[in-house]
PDB file of N, CA and C in Angstrom:
ATOM      1  N   MET A   1     142.398  26.143 123.812  1.00  0.00           N
ATOM      2  CA  MET A   1     141.670  27.259 123.243  1.00  0.00           C
ATOM      3  C   MET A   1     142.446  28.532 123.539  1.00  0.00           C
ATOM      4  N   ASP A   2     142.900  29.235 122.522  1.00  0.00           N
ATOM      5  CA  ASP A   2     143.628  30.485 122.720  1.00  0.00           C
ATOM      6  C   ASP A   2     142.755  31.670 122.290  1.00  0.00           C
ATOM      7  N   LYS A   3     143.245  32.888 122.539  1.00  0.00           N
ATOM      8  CA  LYS A   3     142.458  34.085 122.249  1.00  0.00           C
ATOM      9  C   LYS A   3     142.297  34.343 120.756  1.00  0.00           C
ATOM     10  N   LYS A   4     143.272  33.953 119.960  1.00  0.00           N
ATOM     11  CA  LYS A   4     143.218  34.224 118.521  1.00  0.00           C
ATOM     12  C   LYS A   4     142.149  33.383 117.824  1.00  0.00           C
ATOM     13  N   ASN A   5     142.018  32.130 118.170  1.00  0.00           N
ATOM     14  CA  ASN A   5     141.067  31.229 117.523  1.00  0.00           C
ATOM     15  C   ASN A   5     140.167  30.562 118.561  1.00  0.00           C
ATOM     16  N   PRO A   6     139.207  31.300 119.104  1.00  0.00           N
ATOM     17  CA  PRO A   6     138.310  30.650 120.067  1.00  0.00           C
ATOM     18  C   PRO A   6     137.387  29.682 119.341  1.00  0.00           C
ATOM     19  N   GLU A   7     137.081  28.588 119.995  1.00  0.00           N
ATOM     20  CA  GLU A   7     136.176  27.618 119.390  1.00  0.00           C
ATOM     21  C   GLU A   7     134.751  28.123 119.522  1.00  0.00           C
ATOM     22  N   SER A   8     134.004  27.935 118.470  1.00  0.00           N
ATOM     23  CA  SER A   8     132.612  28.388 118.509  1.00  0.00           C
ATOM     24  C   SER A   8     131.741  27.271 119.075  1.00  0.00           C
ATOM     25  N   ALA A   9     130.767  27.697 119.832  1.00  0.00           N
ATOM     26  CA  ALA A   9     129.810  26.769 120.424  1.00  0.00           C
ATOM     27  C   ALA A   9     128.462  26.985 119.750  1.00  0.00           C
ATOM     28  N   PRO A  10     127.605  25.982 119.756  1.00  0.00           N
ATOM     29  CA  PRO A  10     126.279  26.174 119.163  1.00  0.00           C
ATOM     30  C   PRO A  10     125.545  27.323 119.856  1.00  0.00           C
ATOM     31  N   GLY A  11     124.938  28.169 119.058  1.00  0.00           N
ATOM     32  CA  GLY A  11     124.204  29.307 119.594  1.00  0.00           C
ATOM     33  C   GLY A  11     125.012  30.591 119.654  1.00  0.00           C
ATOM     34  N   ASP A  12     126.284  30.541 119.289  1.00  0.00           N
ATOM     35  CA  ASP A  12     127.103  31.751 119.323  1.00  0.00           C
ATOM     36  C   ASP A  12     126.723  32.717 118.205  1.00  0.00           C
ATOM     37  N   GLY A  13     126.307  32.213 117.085  1.00  0.00           N
ATOM     38  CA  GLY A  13     125.881  33.059 115.976  1.00  0.00           C
ATOM     39  C   GLY A  13     127.034  33.848 115.400  1.00  0.00           C
ATOM     40  N   LEU A  14     126.819  35.130 115.132  1.00  0.00           N
ATOM     41  CA  LEU A  14     127.838  35.977 114.512  1.00  0.00           C
ATOM     42  C   LEU A  14     128.990  36.307 115.450  1.00  0.00           C
ATOM     43  N   ARG A  15     128.793  36.154 116.734  1.00  0.00           N
ATOM     44  CA  ARG A  15     129.867  36.470 117.681  1.00  0.00           C
ATOM     45  C   ARG A  15     131.078  35.575 117.478  1.00  0.00           C
ATOM     46  N   SER A  16     130.860  34.379 116.972  1.00  0.00           N
ATOM     47  CA  SER A  16     131.961  33.432 116.810  1.00  0.00           C
ATOM     48  C   SER A  16     132.761  33.688 115.532  1.00  0.00           C
ATOM     49  N   LEU A  17     132.220  34.449 114.591  1.00  0.00           N
ATOM     50  CA  LEU A  17     132.899  34.709 113.331  1.00  0.00           C
ATOM     51  C   LEU A  17     133.909  35.851 113.476  1.00  0.00           C
ATOM     52  N   ARG A  18     134.946  35.811 112.615  1.00  0.00           N
ATOM     53  CA  ARG A  18     135.896  36.916 112.579  1.00  0.00           C
ATOM     54  C   ARG A  18     135.246  38.079 111.854  1.00  0.00           C
ATOM     55  N   SER A  19     135.400  39.293 112.365  1.00  0.00           N
ATOM     56  CA  SER A  19     134.829  40.466 111.719  1.00  0.00           C
ATOM     57  C   SER A  19     135.688  41.681 112.032  1.00  0.00           C
ATOM     58  N   THR A  20     135.475  42.733 111.281  1.00  0.00           N
ATOM     59  CA  THR A  20     136.243  43.957 111.493  1.00  0.00           C
ATOM     60  C   THR A  20     135.567  44.821 112.545  1.00  0.00           C
ATOM     61  N   SER A  21     136.301  45.783 113.048  1.00  0.00           N
ATOM     62  CA  SER A  21     135.735  46.712 114.036  1.00  0.00           C
ATOM     63  C   SER A  21     134.643  47.567 113.417  1.00  0.00           C
ATOM     64  N   LEU A  22     134.808  47.918 112.146  1.00  0.00           N
ATOM     65  CA  LEU A  22     133.788  48.709 111.466  1.00  0.00           C
ATOM     66  C   LEU A  22     132.470  47.932 111.386  1.00  0.00           C
ATOM     67  N   PHE A  23     132.539  46.646 111.039  1.00  0.00           N
ATOM     68  CA  PHE A  23     131.329  45.826 110.967  1.00  0.00           C
ATOM     69  C   PHE A  23     130.652  45.742 112.328  1.00  0.00           C
ATOM     70  N   ARG A  24     131.434  45.582 113.378  1.00  0.00           N
ATOM     71  CA  ARG A  24     130.862  45.508 114.722  1.00  0.00           C
ATOM     72  C   ARG A  24     130.264  46.841 115.154  1.00  0.00           C
ATOM     73  N   ALA A  25     130.864  47.960 114.745  1.00  0.00           N
ATOM     74  CA  ALA A  25     130.331  49.273 115.108  1.00  0.00           C
ATOM     75  C   ALA A  25     129.039  49.570 114.359  1.00  0.00           C
ATOM     76  N   VAL A  26     128.997  49.205 113.082  1.00  0.00           N
ATOM     77  CA  VAL A  26     127.805  49.482 112.275  1.00  0.00           C
ATOM     78  C   VAL A  26     126.657  48.558 112.680  1.00  0.00           C
ATOM     79  N   ASN A  27     126.953  47.310 112.980  1.00  0.00           N
ATOM     80  CA  ASN A  27     125.929  46.320 113.339  1.00  0.00           C
ATOM     81  C   ASN A  27     125.997  46.009 114.830  1.00  0.00           C
ATOM     82  N   PHE A  28     125.897  47.040 115.622  1.00  0.00           N
ATOM     83  CA  PHE A  28     126.044  46.891 117.071  1.00  0.00           C
ATOM     84  C   PHE A  28     125.013  45.943 117.674  1.00  0.00           C
ATOM     85  N   GLU A  29     123.785  45.970 117.159  1.00  0.00           N
ATOM     86  CA  GLU A  29     122.723  45.160 117.746  1.00  0.00           C
ATOM     87  C   GLU A  29     122.962  43.662 117.589  1.00  0.00           C
ATOM     88  N   LEU A  30     123.834  43.262 116.674  1.00  0.00           N
ATOM     89  CA  LEU A  30     124.137  41.842 116.512  1.00  0.00           C
ATOM     90  C   LEU A  30     125.058  41.325 117.612  1.00  0.00           C
ATOM     91  N   TYR A  31     125.814  42.223 118.227  1.00  0.00           N
ATOM     92  CA  TYR A  31     126.797  41.817 119.225  1.00  0.00           C
ATOM     93  C   TYR A  31     126.413  42.222 120.642  1.00  0.00           C
ATOM     94  N   ALA A  32     125.486  43.115 120.806  1.00  0.00           N
ATOM     95  CA  ALA A  32     125.086  43.567 122.136  1.00  0.00           C
ATOM     96  C   ALA A  32     124.161  42.546 122.784  1.00  0.00           C
ATOM     97  N   LYS A  33     124.219  42.479 124.076  1.00  0.00           N
ATOM     98  CA  LYS A  33     123.349  41.583 124.822  1.00  0.00           C
ATOM     99  C   LYS A  33     121.947  42.191 124.882  1.00  0.00           C
ATOM    100  N   GLN A  34     120.928  41.380 124.865  1.00  0.00           N
ATOM    101  CA  GLN A  34     119.552  41.866 124.883  1.00  0.00           C
ATOM    102  C   GLN A  34     119.240  42.519 126.215  1.00  0.00           C
ATOM    103  N   ASN A  35     118.499  43.618 126.157  1.00  0.00           N
ATOM    104  CA  ASN A  35     118.069  44.316 127.350  1.00  0.00           C
ATOM    105  C   ASN A  35     116.550  44.222 127.421  1.00  0.00           C
ATOM    106  N   LYS A  36     116.040  43.440 128.352  1.00  0.00           N
ATOM    107  CA  LYS A  36     114.608  43.171 128.420  1.00  0.00           C
ATOM    108  C   LYS A  36     113.801  44.408 128.812  1.00  0.00           C
ATOM    109  N   VAL A  37     114.359  45.272 129.652  1.00  0.00           N
ATOM    110  CA  VAL A  37     113.640  46.475 130.076  1.00  0.00           C
ATOM    111  C   VAL A  37     113.416  47.387 128.869  1.00  0.00           C
ATOM    112  N   THR A  38     114.444  47.587 128.059  1.00  0.00           N
ATOM    113  CA  THR A  38     114.318  48.421 126.867  1.00  0.00           C
ATOM    114  C   THR A  38     113.369  47.779 125.862  1.00  0.00           C
ATOM    115  N   MET A  39     113.425  46.469 125.734  1.00  0.00           N
ATOM    116  CA  MET A  39     112.554  45.767 124.807  1.00  0.00           C
ATOM    117  C   MET A  39     111.087  45.905 125.234  1.00  0.00           C
ATOM    118  N   ILE A  40     110.806  45.769 126.502  1.00  0.00           N
ATOM    119  CA  ILE A  40     109.432  45.904 127.000  1.00  0.00           C
ATOM    120  C   ILE A  40     108.947  47.333 126.811  1.00  0.00           C
ATOM    121  N   PHE A  41     109.809  48.315 127.097  1.00  0.00           N
ATOM    122  CA  PHE A  41     109.432  49.716 126.902  1.00  0.00           C
ATOM    123  C   PHE A  41     109.104  49.985 125.431  1.00  0.00           C
ATOM    124  N   GLY A  42     109.892  49.454 124.520  1.00  0.00           N
ATOM    125  CA  GLY A  42     109.651  49.641 123.098  1.00  0.00           C
ATOM    126  C   GLY A  42     108.348  49.018 122.646  1.00  0.00           C
ATOM    127  N   ILE A  43     108.048  47.828 123.148  1.00  0.00           N
ATOM    128  CA  ILE A  43     106.798  47.152 122.795  1.00  0.00           C
ATOM    129  C   ILE A  43     105.600  47.934 123.320  1.00  0.00           C
ATOM    130  N   VAL A  44     105.685  48.413 124.562  1.00  0.00           N
ATOM    131  CA  VAL A  44     104.588  49.193 125.148  1.00  0.00           C
ATOM    132  C   VAL A  44     104.394  50.503 124.376  1.00  0.00           C
ATOM    133  N   ALA A  45     105.485  51.167 124.013  1.00  0.00           N
ATOM    134  CA  ALA A  45     105.387  52.416 123.249  1.00  0.00           C
ATOM    135  C   ALA A  45     104.780  52.164 121.877  1.00  0.00           C
ATOM    136  N   PHE A  46     105.185  51.093 121.208  1.00  0.00           N
ATOM    137  CA  PHE A  46     104.647  50.771 119.885  1.00  0.00           C
ATOM    138  C   PHE A  46     103.156  50.437 119.963  1.00  0.00           C
ATOM    139  N   VAL A  47     102.765  49.612 120.914  1.00  0.00           N
ATOM    140  CA  VAL A  47     101.358  49.229 121.053  1.00  0.00           C
ATOM    141  C   VAL A  47     100.521  50.441 121.452  1.00  0.00           C
ATOM    142  N   GLY A  48     101.062  51.306 122.313  1.00  0.00           N
ATOM    143  CA  GLY A  48     100.347  52.529 122.690  1.00  0.00           C
ATOM    144  C   GLY A  48     100.137  53.452 121.506  1.00  0.00           C
ATOM    145  N   SER A  49     101.155  53.621 120.687  1.00  0.00           N
ATOM    146  CA  SER A  49     101.040  54.462 119.493  1.00  0.00           C
ATOM    147  C   SER A  49     100.026  53.887 118.515  1.00  0.00           C
ATOM    148  N   LEU A  50     100.086  52.587 118.308  1.00  0.00           N
ATOM    149  CA  LEU A  50      99.145  51.927 117.412  1.00  0.00           C
ATOM    150  C   LEU A  50      97.717  52.054 117.940  1.00  0.00           C
ATOM    151  N   GLY A  51      97.539  51.897 119.233  1.00  0.00           N
ATOM    152  CA  GLY A  51      96.220  52.056 119.838  1.00  0.00           C
ATOM    153  C   GLY A  51      95.682  53.463 119.687  1.00  0.00           C
ATOM    154  N   TYR A  52      96.551  54.452 119.831  1.00  0.00           N
ATOM    155  CA  TYR A  52      96.132  55.842 119.679  1.00  0.00           C
ATOM    156  C   TYR A  52      95.722  56.144 118.239  1.00  0.00           C
ATOM    157  N   ILE A  53      96.457  55.609 117.279  1.00  0.00           N
ATOM    158  CA  ILE A  53      96.104  55.806 115.872  1.00  0.00           C
ATOM    159  C   ILE A  53      94.751  55.173 115.574  1.00  0.00           C
ATOM    160  N   ILE A  54      94.522  53.973 116.078  1.00  0.00           N
ATOM    161  CA  ILE A  54      93.228  53.300 115.878  1.00  0.00           C
ATOM    162  C   ILE A  54      92.110  54.100 116.535  1.00  0.00           C
ATOM    163  N   TYR A  55      92.353  54.602 117.739  1.00  0.00           N
ATOM    164  CA  TYR A  55      91.361  55.415 118.450  1.00  0.00           C
ATOM    165  C   TYR A  55      91.016  56.670 117.650  1.00  0.00           C
ATOM    166  N   MET A  56      92.043  57.358 117.140  1.00  0.00           N
ATOM    167  CA  MET A  56      91.802  58.583 116.368  1.00  0.00           C
ATOM    168  C   MET A  56      91.015  58.279 115.093  1.00  0.00           C
ATOM    169  N   ARG A  57      91.352  57.185 114.419  1.00  0.00           N
ATOM    170  CA  ARG A  57      90.641  56.849 113.176  1.00  0.00           C
ATOM    171  C   ARG A  57      89.184  56.500 113.455  1.00  0.00           C
ATOM    172  N   ARG A  58      88.926  55.783 114.526  1.00  0.00           N
ATOM    173  CA  ARG A  58      87.549  55.395 114.837  1.00  0.00           C
ATOM    174  C   ARG A  58      86.701  56.603 115.229  1.00  0.00           C
ATOM    175  N   ASN A  59      87.273  57.521 115.998  1.00  0.00           N
ATOM    176  CA  ASN A  59      86.480  58.627 116.518  1.00  0.00           C
ATOM    177  C   ASN A  59      86.353  59.805 115.560  1.00  0.00           C
ATOM    178  N   PHE A  60      87.354  60.071 114.761  1.00  0.00           N
ATOM    179  CA  PHE A  60      87.337  61.304 113.996  1.00  0.00           C
ATOM    180  C   PHE A  60      87.160  61.108 112.498  1.00  0.00           C
ATOM    181  N   ASP A  61      87.348  59.905 111.972  1.00  0.00           N
ATOM    182  CA  ASP A  61      87.088  59.689 110.551  1.00  0.00           C
ATOM    183  C   ASP A  61      85.594  59.658 110.265  1.00  0.00           C
ATOM    184  N   GLY A  62      84.832  59.150 111.195  1.00  0.00           N
ATOM    185  CA  GLY A  62      83.393  59.048 110.995  1.00  0.00           C
ATOM    186  C   GLY A  62      82.639  60.307 111.387  1.00  0.00           C
ATOM    187  N   SER A  63      83.345  61.317 111.880  1.00  0.00           N
ATOM    188  CA  SER A  63      82.653  62.527 112.304  1.00  0.00           C
ATOM    189  C   SER A  63      82.183  63.304 111.079  1.00  0.00           C
ATOM    190  N   LYS A  64      81.244  64.149 111.286  1.00  0.00           N
ATOM    191  CA  LYS A  64      80.655  64.913 110.181  1.00  0.00           C
ATOM    192  C   LYS A  64      81.263  66.307 110.080  1.00  0.00           C
ATOM    193  N   HIS A  65      82.442  66.512 110.668  1.00  0.00           N
ATOM    194  CA  HIS A  65      83.093  67.812 110.645  1.00  0.00           C
ATOM    195  C   HIS A  65      84.513  67.684 110.094  1.00  0.00           C
ATOM    196  N   TYR A  66      85.049  68.777 109.589  1.00  0.00           N
ATOM    197  CA  TYR A  66      86.425  68.820 109.133  1.00  0.00           C
ATOM    198  C   TYR A  66      87.026  70.181 109.477  1.00  0.00           C
ATOM    199  N   SER A  67      88.345  70.259 109.514  1.00  0.00           N
ATOM    200  CA  SER A  67      89.028  71.515 109.808  1.00  0.00           C
ATOM    201  C   SER A  67      89.119  72.334 108.532  1.00  0.00           C
ATOM    202  N   ALA A  68      88.647  73.572 108.602  1.00  0.00           N
ATOM    203  CA  ALA A  68      88.691  74.460 107.444  1.00  0.00           C
ATOM    204  C   ALA A  68      89.550  75.675 107.788  1.00  0.00           C
ATOM    205  N   VAL A  69      90.356  76.105 106.837  1.00  0.00           N
ATOM    206  CA  VAL A  69      91.193  77.277 107.015  1.00  0.00           C
ATOM    207  C   VAL A  69      90.578  78.422 106.229  1.00  0.00           C
ATOM    208  N   THR A  70      90.342  79.545 106.903  1.00  0.00           N
ATOM    209  CA  THR A  70      89.751  80.704 106.229  1.00  0.00           C
ATOM    210  C   THR A  70      90.841  81.522 105.551  1.00  0.00           C
ATOM    211  N   SER A  71      90.430  82.548 104.836  1.00  0.00           N
ATOM    212  CA  SER A  71      91.388  83.361 104.087  1.00  0.00           C
ATOM    213  C   SER A  71      92.314  84.159 105.012  1.00  0.00           C
ATOM    214  N   ASP A  72      91.879  84.431 106.255  1.00  0.00           N
ATOM    215  CA  ASP A  72      92.754  85.164 107.173  1.00  0.00           C
ATOM    216  C   ASP A  72      93.674  84.240 107.974  1.00  0.00           C
ATOM    217  N   GLY A  73      93.604  82.932 107.746  1.00  0.00           N
ATOM    218  CA  GLY A  73      94.530  81.987 108.355  1.00  0.00           C
ATOM    219  C   GLY A  73      94.020  81.290 109.599  1.00  0.00           C
ATOM    220  N   THR A  74      92.811  81.569 110.041  1.00  0.00           N
ATOM    221  CA  THR A  74      92.274  80.892 111.223  1.00  0.00           C
ATOM    222  C   THR A  74      91.698  79.536 110.823  1.00  0.00           C
ATOM    223  N   VAL A  75      91.709  78.620 111.766  1.00  0.00           N
ATOM    224  CA  VAL A  75      91.202  77.272 111.535  1.00  0.00           C
ATOM    225  C   VAL A  75      89.956  77.074 112.388  1.00  0.00           C
ATOM    226  N   HIS A  76      88.897  76.582 111.779  1.00  0.00           N
ATOM    227  CA  HIS A  76      87.683  76.265 112.529  1.00  0.00           C
ATOM    228  C   HIS A  76      87.044  75.015 111.947  1.00  0.00           C
ATOM    229  N   MET A  77      86.161  74.420 112.720  1.00  0.00           N
ATOM    230  CA  MET A  77      85.496  73.188 112.304  1.00  0.00           C
ATOM    231  C   MET A  77      84.234  73.539 111.519  1.00  0.00           C
ATOM    232  N   GLU A  78      84.054  72.874 110.386  1.00  0.00           N
ATOM    233  CA  GLU A  78      82.842  73.051 109.587  1.00  0.00           C
ATOM    234  C   GLU A  78      82.182  71.701 109.380  1.00  0.00           C
ATOM    235  N   LYS A  79      80.880  71.741 109.236  1.00  0.00           N
ATOM    236  CA  LYS A  79      80.142  70.517 108.993  1.00  0.00           C
ATOM    237  C   LYS A  79      80.295  70.117 107.534  1.00  0.00           C
ATOM    238  N   LYS A  80      80.488  68.814 107.295  1.00  0.00           N
ATOM    239  CA  LYS A  80      80.605  68.318 105.924  1.00  0.00           C
ATOM    240  C   LYS A  80      79.248  68.440 105.235  1.00  0.00           C
ATOM    241  N   VAL A  81      79.277  68.974 104.018  1.00  0.00           N
ATOM    242  CA  VAL A  81      78.048  69.143 103.252  1.00  0.00           C
ATOM    243  C   VAL A  81      78.240  68.467 101.908  1.00  0.00           C
ATOM    244  N   SER A  82      77.274  67.680 101.512  1.00  0.00           N
ATOM    245  CA  SER A  82      77.338  66.999 100.239  1.00  0.00           C
ATOM    246  C   SER A  82      76.926  67.953  99.118  1.00  0.00           C
ATOM    247  N   LYS A  83      77.563  67.852  97.969  1.00  0.00           N
ATOM    248  CA  LYS A  83      77.208  68.692  96.838  1.00  0.00           C
ATOM    249  C   LYS A  83      75.822  68.328  96.300  1.00  0.00           C
ATOM    250  N   TRP A  84      75.380  67.132  96.591  1.00  0.00           N
ATOM    251  CA  TRP A  84      74.086  66.670  96.080  1.00  0.00           C
ATOM    252  C   TRP A  84      72.927  67.235  96.871  1.00  0.00           C
ATOM    253  N   THR A  85      73.150  67.651  98.128  1.00  0.00           N
ATOM    254  CA  THR A  85      72.051  68.142  98.958  1.00  0.00           C
ATOM    255  C   THR A  85      71.946  69.662  98.929  1.00  0.00           C
ATOM    256  N   VAL A  86      72.885  70.339  98.329  1.00  0.00           N
ATOM    257  CA  VAL A  86      72.877  71.814  98.334  1.00  0.00           C
ATOM    258  C   VAL A  86      71.975  72.332  97.265  1.00  0.00           C
TER     259      VAL A  86
END
């Protein structure tokens, strides 16, 4: 086995194929070793963000108030009023 033509073993994937430096630079994640700490941090951040979005939708979509902007540019909360009850 020499450096020019290494034999590929099962499970090598794209690492065993010949490729250009540009391909390796653009597709870095295909050749980099997995980092479990970064992967866990990403999963926790994604689940936390998703949980926060669900929390906001549950608590504030069903509320009877909305943010209204007045003509002078201030923002205040107003109660939702139906056109049918006015």
